[in-house]
Amino acid sequence: MNTVLIQTGDYSETRWYSFEGLREIILAQELEKVTESILKVEKFVSQGYYAAGFISYEAAAGFDKALKVKTGSNRLPLVWFGIFKKIHLLDKLPATHRNFTAGKWKPQISKADYLRNVQKIKEYLGKGDTYQINYTFPLRTDFKGSPLALFNYLCGIYPSGYSSLIETDDFAICSVSPELFFELDGENLKSKPMKGTAPRGVTNAQDKQNSQNLRTCLKNRAENCMIVDMIRNDMGRIAKPGSVNVPAMFEIEKYPTVLQMTSTINCRTAAPFSDIVTALFPCASITGAPKVRSMKIIDELEGSPRGVYTGSIGYLLPGREARFNVAIRTVTIDKTISYAEYGTGGGIVWDSTGQMEYEEAASKTRVLNTNFPEFELLESILWESGDGWLLLDRHISRLKDSAEYFDFSLNTSEIRASLESHVSALSVGSYKIRLLVSKNGKFHIQSEAIAPSNIKTPLRLAIAKEPVDISNPFLYHKTTCRGVYHKFRNSVPDCDDVILWNAAGEITETTIANIVIEQNGRLFTPPVECGLLGGSFRAELLETGKIQEAVIKTKDLERADTIYTINSVRKWTKAALSVNDKS
């Protein structure tokens, strides 16, 4: 079995090259064979074949003996390329009915040892041996099942621009890398290193603040600038004189779990593929500065070979077309012993702290544990034949905000026109209009007549038995991913709704409405930061000054003159704590 699928196109318009008709496999197991293997790849492509494969990090010493690498226990080849007779362009990944199972991912270094090694790196920095070290460590787990199933899963939860799958009888590599090592188009060569990481927020406002903090962080800018200078120098070895340029610096890219800072370096070159790889490999973003001394320190401190992690995966096609990633966010599976490995790490500079770097490395492993299920964005809007829409602009604005956060396509003009067309066919009455939007921008509209309210008031509200996790982004966006709400609602079947709260003991909302309490003639609602959906009706009441934000504790509910639930379909409904939830 030799399956090779490599992403082409960008993050927003993903397509896949499927390499087929295997002619030959070229590999290098020894450093002395590395350059020879790349030259063989180059020769086959000059004859009209298509090449796809990987170069392991440890192959660096095969291009330049001054680059120190760890040898020994790496079971993968240093270089592996398939030579293929044809390629097919696919609009989507092949499906598989098989599945996979993986155990708990275990770091292969203790936190104490990690912190000690960061301190050693800072000692080297203090002596001037290096300006930055990209220090990494692996996580490992047992793995059984289909690598293609794992790859489909990873691409679903972590869409990126430079993903690839290589599977043979002995091993598989599933990479969802967001980082471009280099792209060659004729004489145009581009590199887009990634250096600087921050966690995603749970709202657009938090994302924008985190992006601004990352963009202006002196530590991250210094790291990024050093890498840009190194790649400019590497490119200068094979570039046409005066052609190296940096069209973009310190750009922020958004991914499901992290924000990344990138810069772009271009040049023009007539150098052959083998010379380009020799000049650039390994990418400066995963070594440190200067490269030679940094790789010696990496060899000293890291406990095992990196393998394909921080190496490169990609393709070379006839006509000087090539694209290779930096193999981060990459799972390597050894099928012969049923285990998988995933590397993580980050750049250590003088003002780094061990704890901060450990947390950043951990944030990059969330791709392994984060499960974003398929879902649709949702808006429930009140339309009445006499009064028309209630707060339609607010609903559309919230929808746009969530579409931006989750990277959903959205055409609000088309949606507005379809909403008007839909309600024009409704008879006299009041309706709950449900608007559902898929990731690709397709949407559908449902309507439900609202009968005169026969709800007994006050509503009986129970208090949830455990807190919500305020790091869950689905609490802040209205979607069809409502598992957390169903869990809490079903836990108390003998009440009308459930009041949710966070780990700090602060009230957030109910499973279907915002909460408002009245005290001494004033109306209060919890702030969004407590962990809740900012309802459209709530936003209108805040803007018009009818309610105001305040942190609300359980004891405040008991002291309230009145408790209300509010949403934009039912508006105000009186409520009360159930008898069992009163102290």
Protein backbone atom coordinates (compact mmCIF):
# COMPACT_ATOMS: atom_id res chain seq x y z
CA MET A 1 0.00 0.00 0.00
CA ASN A 2 1.29 3.46 -0.93
CA THR A 3 -1.27 6.24 -0.50
CA VAL A 4 -0.20 9.86 -0.98
CA LEU A 5 -2.64 12.77 -0.66
CA ILE A 6 -1.29 16.32 -0.51
CA GLN A 7 -3.27 19.51 -0.22
CA THR A 8 -3.11 22.11 -2.95
CA GLY A 9 -4.85 25.46 -3.04
CA ASP A 10 -5.22 27.60 0.06
CA TYR A 11 -6.98 27.18 3.39
CA SER A 12 -10.26 28.60 2.07
CA GLU A 13 -10.39 26.50 -1.13
CA THR A 14 -8.91 23.11 -0.31
CA ARG A 15 -8.25 20.56 -3.05
CA TRP A 16 -6.06 17.48 -3.03
CA TYR A 17 -3.49 15.88 -5.28
CA SER A 18 -3.83 12.11 -5.25
CA PHE A 19 -0.62 10.51 -6.54
CA GLU A 20 -1.20 7.26 -8.43
CA GLY A 21 0.60 4.71 -10.60
CA LEU A 22 3.67 4.15 -8.44
CA ARG A 23 6.80 3.80 -10.59
CA GLU A 24 9.46 3.64 -7.91
CA ILE A 25 10.24 4.49 -4.30
CA ILE A 26 13.36 6.52 -3.59
CA LEU A 27 14.60 6.54 -0.03
CA ALA A 28 17.68 7.26 2.01
CA GLN A 29 18.45 5.46 5.26
CA GLU A 30 21.97 6.88 5.68
CA LEU A 31 23.14 10.48 5.65
CA GLU A 32 25.52 9.74 2.78
CA LYS A 33 22.52 8.89 0.56
CA VAL A 34 20.43 12.01 1.26
CA THR A 35 21.71 14.28 -1.52
CA GLU A 36 21.84 11.38 -3.96
CA SER A 37 18.19 10.56 -3.30
CA ILE A 38 17.08 14.16 -3.93
CA LEU A 39 19.01 14.21 -7.21
CA LYS A 40 17.23 10.99 -8.25
CA VAL A 41 13.86 12.58 -7.49
CA GLU A 42 14.83 15.59 -9.56
CA LYS A 43 15.87 13.39 -12.50
CA PHE A 44 12.60 11.43 -12.55
CA VAL A 45 10.54 14.64 -12.51
CA SER A 46 12.60 16.01 -15.42
CA GLN A 47 11.40 12.92 -17.34
CA GLY A 48 7.74 13.79 -16.72
CA TYR A 49 7.03 11.83 -13.53
CA TYR A 50 5.42 13.22 -10.37
CA ALA A 51 7.21 13.03 -7.01
CA ALA A 52 5.74 13.25 -3.51
CA GLY A 53 7.26 12.42 -0.17
CA PHE A 54 9.05 13.69 2.91
CA ILE A 55 12.44 14.74 4.24
CA SER A 56 13.05 14.00 7.93
CA TYR A 57 14.61 16.63 10.18
CA GLU A 58 17.70 14.45 10.66
CA ALA A 59 18.36 14.52 6.89
CA ALA A 60 19.76 18.03 7.43
CA ALA A 61 23.22 16.61 8.15
CA GLY A 62 23.14 14.92 4.75
CA PHE A 63 22.92 18.33 3.08
CA ASP A 64 25.44 20.05 5.35
CA LYS A 65 27.81 18.16 7.67
CA ALA A 66 28.01 21.20 9.95
CA LEU A 67 24.38 20.63 10.99
CA LYS A 68 24.33 18.35 14.03
CA VAL A 69 21.43 15.89 14.42
CA LYS A 70 20.57 13.00 16.70
CA THR A 71 20.91 9.57 15.16
CA GLY A 72 19.88 6.11 16.28
CA SER A 73 16.32 5.23 17.16
CA ASN A 74 14.39 6.90 14.32
CA ARG A 75 12.54 4.13 12.45
CA LEU A 76 11.58 6.30 9.46
CA PRO A 77 13.81 6.83 6.42
CA LEU A 78 15.70 10.12 6.27
CA VAL A 79 14.19 10.68 2.82
CA TRP A 80 11.18 8.96 1.25
CA PHE A 81 9.70 9.85 -2.14
CA GLY A 82 7.27 8.01 -4.34
CA ILE A 83 7.68 8.48 -8.08
CA PHE A 84 4.26 8.39 -9.74
CA LYS A 85 2.99 8.20 -13.31
CA LYS A 86 -0.06 10.41 -12.77
CA ILE A 87 -1.90 12.64 -10.35
CA HIS A 88 -5.60 13.29 -9.90
CA LEU A 89 -7.06 16.50 -8.50
CA LEU A 90 -9.74 15.79 -5.88
CA ASP A 91 -12.32 18.23 -4.53
CA LYS A 92 -12.48 16.39 -1.21
CA LEU A 93 -10.71 13.68 0.72
CA PRO A 94 -11.64 10.06 0.08
CA ALA A 95 -14.10 8.73 2.64
CA THR A 96 -13.45 5.60 4.67
CA HIS A 97 -15.79 3.33 6.60
CA ARG A 98 -12.95 2.21 8.84
CA ASN A 99 -12.17 3.89 12.14
CA PHE A 100 -9.26 4.33 14.52
CA THR A 101 -8.58 4.22 18.23
CA ALA A 102 -5.83 6.04 20.09
CA GLY A 103 -4.92 6.00 23.75
CA LYS A 104 -3.98 8.93 25.95
CA TRP A 105 -1.16 11.03 24.52
CA LYS A 106 1.79 10.97 26.94
CA PRO A 107 4.62 13.53 26.87
CA GLN A 108 8.01 11.84 26.67
CA ILE A 109 9.51 14.39 29.05
CA SER A 110 8.48 15.43 32.54
CA LYS A 111 7.52 19.03 33.17
CA ALA A 112 10.44 19.34 35.59
CA ASP A 113 12.93 18.17 32.95
CA TYR A 114 11.36 20.49 30.40
CA LEU A 115 11.77 23.47 32.73
CA ARG A 116 15.38 22.48 33.48
CA ASN A 117 16.20 22.31 29.78
CA VAL A 118 14.61 25.71 29.16
CA GLN A 119 16.89 27.08 31.89
CA LYS A 120 19.90 25.47 30.17
CA ILE A 121 18.87 27.12 26.91
CA LYS A 122 18.68 30.48 28.68
CA GLU A 123 22.21 29.92 29.96
CA TYR A 124 23.36 29.42 26.36
CA LEU A 125 21.46 32.55 25.39
CA GLY A 126 23.14 34.47 28.19
CA LYS A 127 26.58 33.42 26.96
CA GLY A 128 25.76 34.50 23.41
CA ASP A 129 25.91 30.98 21.94
CA THR A 130 22.50 31.44 20.36
CA TYR A 131 19.68 33.97 20.06
CA GLN A 132 16.83 31.48 19.92
CA ILE A 133 16.30 27.72 20.22
CA ASN A 134 13.28 25.87 18.89
CA TYR A 135 12.99 23.27 21.65
CA THR A 136 10.60 20.35 21.13
CA PHE A 137 9.48 17.07 22.65
CA PRO A 138 7.29 14.17 21.47
CA LEU A 139 4.04 12.72 22.79
CA ARG A 140 3.22 9.06 22.14
CA THR A 141 0.24 6.76 22.34
CA ASP A 142 -1.02 3.38 21.16
CA PHE A 143 -2.78 3.49 17.80
CA LYS A 144 -4.98 1.01 15.97
CA GLY A 145 -7.10 1.35 12.87
CA SER A 146 -7.11 3.47 9.74
CA PRO A 147 -4.62 6.34 9.24
CA LEU A 148 -6.98 7.74 6.59
CA ALA A 149 -9.74 7.89 9.21
CA LEU A 150 -7.38 9.76 11.56
CA PHE A 151 -6.38 12.11 8.74
CA ASN A 152 -10.02 12.85 7.87
CA TYR A 153 -10.67 13.54 11.55
CA LEU A 154 -7.67 15.87 11.90
CA CYS A 155 -8.54 17.77 8.72
CA GLY A 156 -12.08 18.17 9.99
CA ILE A 157 -11.12 19.67 13.33
CA TYR A 158 -7.97 21.50 12.20
CA PRO A 159 -8.33 22.76 8.63
CA SER A 160 -5.04 24.22 7.44
CA GLY A 161 -3.22 25.10 4.25
CA TYR A 162 -0.53 22.44 3.87
CA SER A 163 -1.93 19.07 4.95
CA SER A 164 -0.73 15.70 3.69
CA LEU A 165 -1.16 11.96 4.15
CA ILE A 166 1.48 9.39 3.28
CA GLU A 167 0.74 5.76 4.09
CA THR A 168 2.85 2.68 3.34
CA ASP A 169 2.71 -0.87 4.68
CA ASP A 170 5.02 0.08 7.56
CA PHE A 171 4.20 3.67 8.48
CA ALA A 172 1.78 6.53 7.98
CA ILE A 173 2.19 10.28 8.31
CA CYS A 174 -0.85 12.50 8.94
CA SER A 175 0.12 16.17 8.78
CA VAL A 176 -2.23 19.13 9.16
CA SER A 177 0.53 21.70 8.98
CA PRO A 178 -0.42 25.37 8.70
CA GLU A 179 3.15 26.39 7.76
CA LEU A 180 4.61 26.72 4.26
CA PHE A 181 8.30 25.81 4.01
CA PHE A 182 8.60 26.80 0.37
CA GLU A 183 6.56 26.99 -2.80
CA LEU A 184 8.18 27.05 -6.24
CA ASP A 185 6.35 28.26 -9.34
CA GLY A 186 8.76 28.56 -12.25
CA GLU A 187 11.39 30.97 -11.00
CA ASN A 188 9.25 32.36 -8.17
CA LEU A 189 10.14 31.00 -4.74
CA LYS A 190 8.13 31.80 -1.60
CA SER A 191 8.52 30.88 2.06
CA LYS A 192 6.05 31.71 4.82
CA PRO A 193 7.55 30.90 8.22
CA MET A 194 5.37 30.81 11.30
CA LYS A 195 6.75 32.06 14.59
CA GLY A 196 4.62 33.42 17.42
CA THR A 197 1.60 31.68 18.94
CA ALA A 198 -1.36 32.76 21.06
CA PRO A 199 -4.49 30.87 22.13
CA ARG A 200 -7.83 31.45 20.44
CA GLY A 201 -10.43 33.37 22.39
CA VAL A 202 -14.00 32.16 22.76
CA THR A 203 -15.49 35.24 21.08
CA ASN A 204 -14.49 37.49 18.21
CA ALA A 205 -13.73 40.26 20.68
CA GLN A 206 -11.28 38.01 22.55
CA ASP A 207 -9.74 36.83 19.27
CA LYS A 208 -9.14 40.41 18.17
CA GLN A 209 -7.58 41.29 21.51
CA ASN A 210 -5.38 38.18 21.48
CA SER A 211 -4.37 38.95 17.88
CA GLN A 212 -3.41 42.49 18.80
CA ASN A 213 -1.45 41.27 21.83
CA LEU A 214 0.39 38.75 19.65
CA ARG A 215 1.08 41.28 16.89
CA THR A 216 2.55 43.82 19.32
CA CYS A 217 4.36 41.35 21.62
CA LEU A 218 8.06 42.27 21.52
CA LYS A 219 9.13 38.68 22.25
CA ASN A 220 7.10 37.22 19.38
CA ARG A 221 8.09 39.98 16.96
CA ALA A 222 11.76 39.47 17.83
CA GLU A 223 11.45 35.70 17.24
CA ASN A 224 9.65 36.23 13.95
CA CYS A 225 12.12 38.85 12.75
CA MET A 226 15.10 36.58 13.48
CA ILE A 227 13.56 33.76 11.43
CA VAL A 228 12.79 36.11 8.54
CA ASP A 229 16.42 37.26 8.48
CA MET A 230 17.66 33.66 8.50
CA ILE A 231 15.41 32.63 5.61
CA ARG A 232 16.40 35.75 3.65
CA ASN A 233 20.01 34.68 4.08
CA ASP A 234 19.24 31.07 3.11
CA MET A 235 17.36 32.23 0.02
CA GLY A 236 20.20 34.56 -0.86
CA ARG A 237 22.39 31.53 -1.54
CA ILE A 238 20.29 30.53 -4.57
CA ALA A 239 18.36 33.73 -5.44
CA LYS A 240 18.92 35.99 -8.41
CA PRO A 241 20.78 39.09 -7.18
CA GLY A 242 18.51 41.71 -5.63
CA SER A 243 15.37 39.57 -5.85
CA VAL A 244 14.93 38.62 -2.17
CA ASN A 245 12.12 40.65 -0.60
CA VAL A 246 9.72 40.55 2.36
CA PRO A 247 6.24 41.65 1.20
CA ALA A 248 4.49 40.91 4.52
CA MET A 249 5.55 40.74 8.16
CA PHE A 250 3.76 39.96 11.43
CA GLU A 251 0.49 38.81 9.87
CA ILE A 252 -1.88 36.92 12.17
CA GLU A 253 -3.55 33.73 10.93
CA LYS A 254 -6.45 32.09 12.75
CA TYR A 255 -6.78 28.35 13.32
CA PRO A 256 -9.28 26.36 15.41
CA THR A 257 -7.20 26.37 18.61
CA VAL A 258 -4.44 28.96 18.12
CA LEU A 259 -3.49 32.24 16.46
CA GLN A 260 -0.18 32.22 14.56
CA MET A 261 2.12 35.03 13.45
CA THR A 262 3.55 34.64 9.94
CA SER A 263 5.77 36.57 7.55
CA THR A 264 6.40 36.07 3.83
CA ILE A 265 9.75 36.02 2.01
CA ASN A 266 10.01 35.86 -1.80
CA CYS A 267 12.78 35.64 -4.35
CA ARG A 268 13.43 34.65 -7.94
CA THR A 269 15.70 31.71 -8.67
CA ALA A 270 16.78 29.49 -11.53
CA ALA A 271 18.39 27.01 -9.12
CA PRO A 272 17.35 23.35 -9.43
CA PHE A 273 15.14 21.76 -6.79
CA SER A 274 18.09 19.97 -5.18
CA ASP A 275 19.98 23.24 -4.65
CA ILE A 276 16.87 24.93 -3.20
CA VAL A 277 16.39 22.15 -0.65
CA THR A 278 20.10 22.15 0.23
CA ALA A 279 20.07 25.92 0.80
CA LEU A 280 16.88 26.08 2.87
CA PHE A 281 16.59 22.79 4.78
CA PRO A 282 15.67 22.57 7.58
CA CYS A 283 13.38 25.57 7.86
CA ALA A 284 14.85 28.20 10.19
CA SER A 285 11.58 28.47 12.12
CA ILE A 286 12.14 25.05 13.70
CA THR A 287 15.86 25.30 14.54
CA GLY A 288 16.88 28.63 16.03
CA ALA A 289 19.43 31.32 15.32
CA PRO A 290 22.16 30.83 14.27
CA LYS A 291 21.19 27.52 12.69
CA VAL A 292 24.44 25.55 13.11
CA ARG A 293 24.98 26.30 16.82
CA SER A 294 21.26 26.01 17.59
CA MET A 295 21.06 22.53 16.09
CA LYS A 296 24.00 21.41 18.24
CA ILE A 297 22.13 22.58 21.35
CA ILE A 298 18.96 20.86 20.15
CA ASP A 299 20.93 17.64 19.69
CA GLU A 300 22.26 17.96 23.24
CA LEU A 301 18.93 18.63 24.96
CA GLU A 302 16.26 16.76 23.01
CA GLY A 303 15.95 13.12 24.00
CA SER A 304 15.20 11.46 20.65
CA PRO A 305 15.28 12.09 16.89
CA ARG A 306 12.42 14.24 15.61
CA GLY A 307 11.85 12.16 12.48
CA VAL A 308 9.53 13.74 9.96
CA TYR A 309 8.33 16.22 12.63
CA THR A 310 9.83 19.64 11.74
CA GLY A 311 11.11 18.12 8.52
CA SER A 312 9.09 18.65 5.37
CA ILE A 313 6.38 16.93 3.30
CA GLY A 314 5.42 17.91 -0.22
CA TYR A 315 5.55 17.36 -3.96
CA LEU A 316 7.63 18.21 -7.02
CA LEU A 317 5.92 18.31 -10.43
CA PRO A 318 7.22 18.85 -13.96
CA GLY A 319 7.58 22.50 -14.95
CA ARG A 320 9.25 23.62 -11.68
CA GLU A 321 6.15 23.33 -9.53
CA ALA A 322 6.77 22.35 -5.92
CA ARG A 323 5.18 22.88 -2.54
CA PHE A 324 6.53 21.66 0.80
CA ASN A 325 5.25 22.25 4.31
CA VAL A 326 7.06 22.50 7.60
CA ALA A 327 5.93 19.22 9.16
CA ILE A 328 4.36 20.52 12.36
CA ARG A 329 0.93 19.42 13.69
CA THR A 330 1.99 16.02 12.41
CA VAL A 331 1.20 12.50 13.64
CA THR A 332 3.59 9.71 12.67
CA ILE A 333 2.23 6.16 12.96
CA ASP A 334 4.47 3.10 13.16
CA LYS A 335 2.13 0.40 11.88
CA THR A 336 4.55 -2.41 12.74
CA ILE A 337 4.28 -1.77 16.50
CA SER A 338 0.93 0.10 16.59
CA TYR A 339 2.02 3.38 18.14
CA ALA A 340 1.79 7.02 17.14
CA GLU A 341 3.97 10.04 17.86
CA TYR A 342 3.23 13.77 17.78
CA GLY A 343 5.84 16.49 18.32
CA THR A 344 5.31 19.90 19.87
CA GLY A 345 7.47 22.78 21.04
CA GLY A 346 8.31 26.43 20.55
CA GLY A 347 10.99 29.08 20.28
CA ILE A 348 12.95 29.91 23.45
CA VAL A 349 14.46 33.41 23.67
CA TRP A 350 16.00 35.38 26.53
CA ASP A 351 12.73 36.67 27.98
CA SER A 352 10.96 33.31 27.72
CA THR A 353 9.75 31.67 30.91
CA GLY A 354 9.65 27.91 31.24
CA GLN A 355 6.03 27.92 32.39
CA MET A 356 4.92 30.16 29.52
CA GLU A 357 6.71 28.01 26.95
CA TYR A 358 5.30 24.80 28.42
CA GLU A 359 1.77 26.23 28.16
CA GLU A 360 2.39 27.32 24.56
CA ALA A 361 3.64 23.84 23.65
CA ALA A 362 0.57 22.35 25.33
CA SER A 363 -1.73 24.68 23.35
CA LYS A 364 -0.35 23.19 20.12
CA THR A 365 -1.39 19.69 21.23
CA ARG A 366 -5.07 20.65 21.54
CA VAL A 367 -5.51 19.60 17.92
CA LEU A 368 -5.28 16.03 19.28
CA ASN A 369 -8.03 16.48 21.86
CA THR A 370 -10.35 19.15 20.49
CA ASN A 371 -13.43 17.80 18.78
CA PHE A 372 -15.43 20.35 16.84
CA PRO A 373 -18.46 18.39 15.65
CA GLU A 374 -20.24 19.29 12.46
CA PHE A 375 -22.76 22.00 13.23
CA GLU A 376 -24.74 24.87 11.76
CA LEU A 377 -25.06 28.44 12.90
CA LEU A 378 -28.56 29.14 14.16
CA GLU A 379 -30.77 32.16 14.67
CA SER A 380 -34.32 32.03 16.07
CA ILE A 381 -36.16 35.20 15.06
CA LEU A 382 -39.66 36.45 15.86
CA TRP A 383 -41.81 37.55 12.91
CA GLU A 384 -45.37 38.82 13.34
CA SER A 385 -47.72 39.58 10.49
CA GLY A 386 -48.61 42.94 11.97
CA ASP A 387 -45.24 44.13 13.25
CA GLY A 388 -42.78 42.29 11.01
CA TRP A 389 -39.35 41.26 12.29
CA LEU A 390 -38.17 41.72 15.85
CA LEU A 391 -34.50 42.77 15.97
CA LEU A 392 -33.60 41.26 12.60
CA ASP A 393 -30.53 43.48 12.24
CA ARG A 394 -29.23 42.31 15.62
CA HIS A 395 -29.72 38.67 14.67
CA ILE A 396 -27.89 39.16 11.35
CA SER A 397 -25.08 41.01 13.13
CA ARG A 398 -24.65 38.18 15.64
CA LEU A 399 -24.74 35.65 12.81
CA LYS A 400 -21.95 37.54 10.99
CA ASP A 401 -19.90 37.62 14.17
CA SER A 402 -20.16 33.85 14.65
CA ALA A 403 -19.51 33.19 10.95
CA GLU A 404 -16.29 35.18 11.23
CA TYR A 405 -15.27 33.33 14.39
CA PHE A 406 -15.86 29.84 12.93
CA ASP A 407 -14.82 30.74 9.35
CA PHE A 408 -18.24 30.11 7.83
CA SER A 409 -19.11 31.57 4.44
CA LEU A 410 -22.02 33.99 4.67
CA ASN A 411 -24.04 36.05 2.20
CA THR A 412 -26.27 38.28 4.31
CA SER A 413 -27.96 39.93 1.32
CA GLU A 414 -29.09 36.57 0.00
CA ILE A 415 -30.22 35.53 3.49
CA ARG A 416 -32.28 38.69 3.97
CA ALA A 417 -33.97 38.26 0.60
CA SER A 418 -34.80 34.61 1.35
CA LEU A 419 -36.18 35.49 4.78
CA GLU A 420 -38.52 38.07 3.25
CA SER A 421 -39.60 35.61 0.57
CA HIS A 422 -40.27 32.95 3.19
CA VAL A 423 -42.47 35.09 5.44
CA SER A 424 -44.41 36.52 2.49
CA ALA A 425 -46.08 33.12 2.13
CA LEU A 426 -47.09 32.85 5.81
CA SER A 427 -50.63 33.46 7.00
CA VAL A 428 -51.60 35.97 9.68
CA GLY A 429 -50.02 35.25 13.06
CA SER A 430 -46.78 35.12 15.01
CA TYR A 431 -43.93 32.82 13.98
CA LYS A 432 -40.60 31.60 15.23
CA ILE A 433 -38.31 31.68 12.19
CA ARG A 434 -35.28 29.39 12.39
CA LEU A 435 -32.36 30.27 10.13
CA LEU A 436 -29.63 27.60 9.85
CA VAL A 437 -26.34 28.22 8.03
CA SER A 438 -23.74 25.59 7.05
CA LYS A 439 -19.99 26.16 6.87
CA ASN A 440 -20.09 26.49 3.07
CA GLY A 441 -22.68 29.28 3.34
CA LYS A 442 -25.70 27.22 2.33
CA PHE A 443 -28.72 27.95 4.50
CA HIS A 444 -32.28 26.89 5.05
CA ILE A 445 -35.24 28.47 6.79
CA GLN A 446 -37.92 26.90 8.96
CA SER A 447 -41.00 28.48 10.49
CA GLU A 448 -43.15 27.49 13.43
CA ALA A 449 -46.40 29.19 14.39
CA ILE A 450 -46.39 30.51 17.95
CA ALA A 451 -49.60 29.62 19.72
CA PRO A 452 -50.99 31.90 22.44
CA SER A 453 -48.86 31.22 25.49
CA ASN A 454 -50.18 28.55 27.79
CA ILE A 455 -46.96 28.42 29.81
CA LYS A 456 -47.60 28.45 33.53
CA THR A 457 -45.69 31.21 35.25
CA PRO A 458 -43.57 31.66 37.09
CA LEU A 459 -41.32 29.14 35.36
CA ARG A 460 -39.77 26.66 37.79
CA LEU A 461 -35.99 26.93 37.50
CA ALA A 462 -33.54 24.43 38.96
CA ILE A 463 -29.87 25.20 39.52
CA ALA A 464 -27.44 22.96 37.61
CA LYS A 465 -25.57 20.38 39.66
CA GLU A 466 -22.16 21.25 38.18
CA PRO A 467 -20.55 24.27 36.49
CA VAL A 468 -20.21 24.95 32.78
CA ASP A 469 -16.75 25.13 31.20
CA ILE A 470 -16.39 28.76 30.15
CA SER A 471 -13.56 27.83 27.74
CA ASN A 472 -16.14 26.10 25.51
CA PRO A 473 -16.69 28.47 22.55
CA PHE A 474 -20.13 27.00 21.83
CA LEU A 475 -21.46 28.74 24.95
CA TYR A 476 -20.89 32.10 23.25
CA HIS A 477 -22.32 31.35 19.79
CA LYS A 478 -25.80 30.18 18.81
CA THR A 479 -25.35 26.91 16.93
CA THR A 480 -26.90 23.48 16.56
CA CYS A 481 -24.12 22.11 18.79
CA ARG A 482 -26.26 22.06 21.92
CA GLY A 483 -25.03 18.94 23.68
CA VAL A 484 -23.99 20.83 26.81
CA TYR A 485 -27.46 22.39 27.11
CA HIS A 486 -29.25 19.08 26.56
CA LYS A 487 -27.12 17.45 29.26
CA PHE A 488 -28.06 20.04 31.86
CA ARG A 489 -31.72 20.21 30.82
CA ASN A 490 -32.15 16.44 30.98
CA SER A 491 -30.53 16.29 34.41
CA VAL A 492 -33.55 18.00 36.00
CA PRO A 493 -36.65 16.75 34.16
CA ASP A 494 -39.18 17.94 36.77
CA CYS A 495 -38.47 21.66 36.21
CA ASP A 496 -39.16 24.03 33.32
CA ASP A 497 -35.52 25.01 32.77
CA VAL A 498 -32.08 24.92 34.39
CA ILE A 499 -29.94 27.83 35.56
CA LEU A 500 -26.28 27.38 34.58
CA TRP A 501 -23.27 28.70 36.50
CA ASN A 502 -19.48 28.74 36.14
CA ALA A 503 -16.61 27.48 38.30
CA ALA A 504 -16.50 30.81 40.14
CA GLY A 505 -20.09 30.30 41.25
CA GLU A 506 -21.40 33.01 38.90
CA ILE A 507 -24.79 32.59 37.21
CA THR A 508 -24.59 32.51 33.40
CA GLU A 509 -27.94 31.74 31.69
CA THR A 510 -30.55 29.01 31.33
CA THR A 511 -30.47 26.38 28.61
CA ILE A 512 -32.71 28.49 26.32
CA ALA A 513 -32.69 32.05 27.66
CA ASN A 514 -30.76 34.82 29.34
CA ILE A 515 -31.36 35.57 33.01
CA VAL A 516 -32.46 38.92 34.46
CA ILE A 517 -33.06 39.63 38.15
CA GLU A 518 -34.82 42.61 39.69
CA GLN A 519 -33.46 44.11 42.90
CA ASN A 520 -34.76 47.34 44.42
CA GLY A 521 -36.34 48.40 41.15
CA ARG A 522 -33.22 47.77 39.04
CA LEU A 523 -32.73 44.99 36.49
CA PHE A 524 -29.45 43.06 36.18
CA THR A 525 -28.11 40.39 33.80
CA PRO A 526 -24.77 38.53 33.90
CA PRO A 527 -21.97 39.77 31.58
CA VAL A 528 -20.99 37.59 28.62
CA GLU A 529 -17.56 37.01 30.21
CA CYS A 530 -19.22 34.78 32.80
CA GLY A 531 -19.78 32.23 30.01
CA LEU A 532 -23.02 32.78 28.11
CA LEU A 533 -24.63 33.57 24.79
CA GLY A 534 -25.25 37.27 24.26
CA GLY A 535 -28.90 37.17 23.22
CA SER A 536 -30.27 39.67 20.70
CA PHE A 537 -33.13 40.74 23.00
CA ARG A 538 -30.64 41.07 25.87
CA ALA A 539 -28.42 43.30 23.69
CA GLU A 540 -31.38 45.55 22.84
CA LEU A 541 -32.35 45.90 26.50
CA LEU A 542 -28.77 46.75 27.45
CA GLU A 543 -28.42 49.37 24.73
CA THR A 544 -31.70 51.04 25.66
CA GLY A 545 -30.72 51.09 29.33
CA LYS A 546 -33.57 48.89 30.54
CA ILE A 547 -31.17 46.38 32.09
CA GLN A 548 -27.51 46.52 33.10
CA GLU A 549 -24.74 43.98 33.53
CA ALA A 550 -23.63 42.67 36.91
CA VAL A 551 -22.11 39.47 38.24
CA ILE A 552 -24.89 37.42 39.84
CA LYS A 553 -24.29 34.70 42.43
CA THR A 554 -26.72 32.03 43.60
CA LYS A 555 -27.45 33.99 46.77
CA ASP A 556 -28.46 36.96 44.57
CA LEU A 557 -31.13 34.80 42.95
CA GLU A 558 -32.56 34.01 46.37
CA ARG A 559 -32.62 37.70 47.32
CA ALA A 560 -34.05 38.91 44.01
CA ASP A 561 -37.45 40.58 44.03
CA THR A 562 -38.21 38.94 40.67
CA ILE A 563 -36.41 36.55 38.31
CA TYR A 564 -37.00 36.70 34.56
CA THR A 565 -35.90 34.65 31.59
CA ILE A 566 -35.61 36.60 28.35
CA ASN A 567 -35.15 35.74 24.69
CA SER A 568 -36.16 37.34 21.41
CA VAL A 569 -39.05 34.95 20.74
CA ARG A 570 -40.81 34.83 24.13
CA LYS A 571 -39.39 38.15 25.37
CA TRP A 572 -40.00 38.39 29.16
CA THR A 573 -41.13 35.42 31.26
CA LYS A 574 -41.34 35.46 35.05
CA ALA A 575 -39.54 32.65 36.83
CA ALA A 576 -38.74 31.38 40.31
CA LEU A 577 -36.31 28.95 41.91
CA SER A 578 -37.69 25.49 42.50
CA VAL A 579 -38.32 24.64 46.14
CA ASN A 580 -35.33 22.26 46.24
CA ASP A 581 -32.96 25.05 45.16
CA LYS A 582 -33.92 27.51 47.88
CA SER A 583 -31.71 27.53 50.95
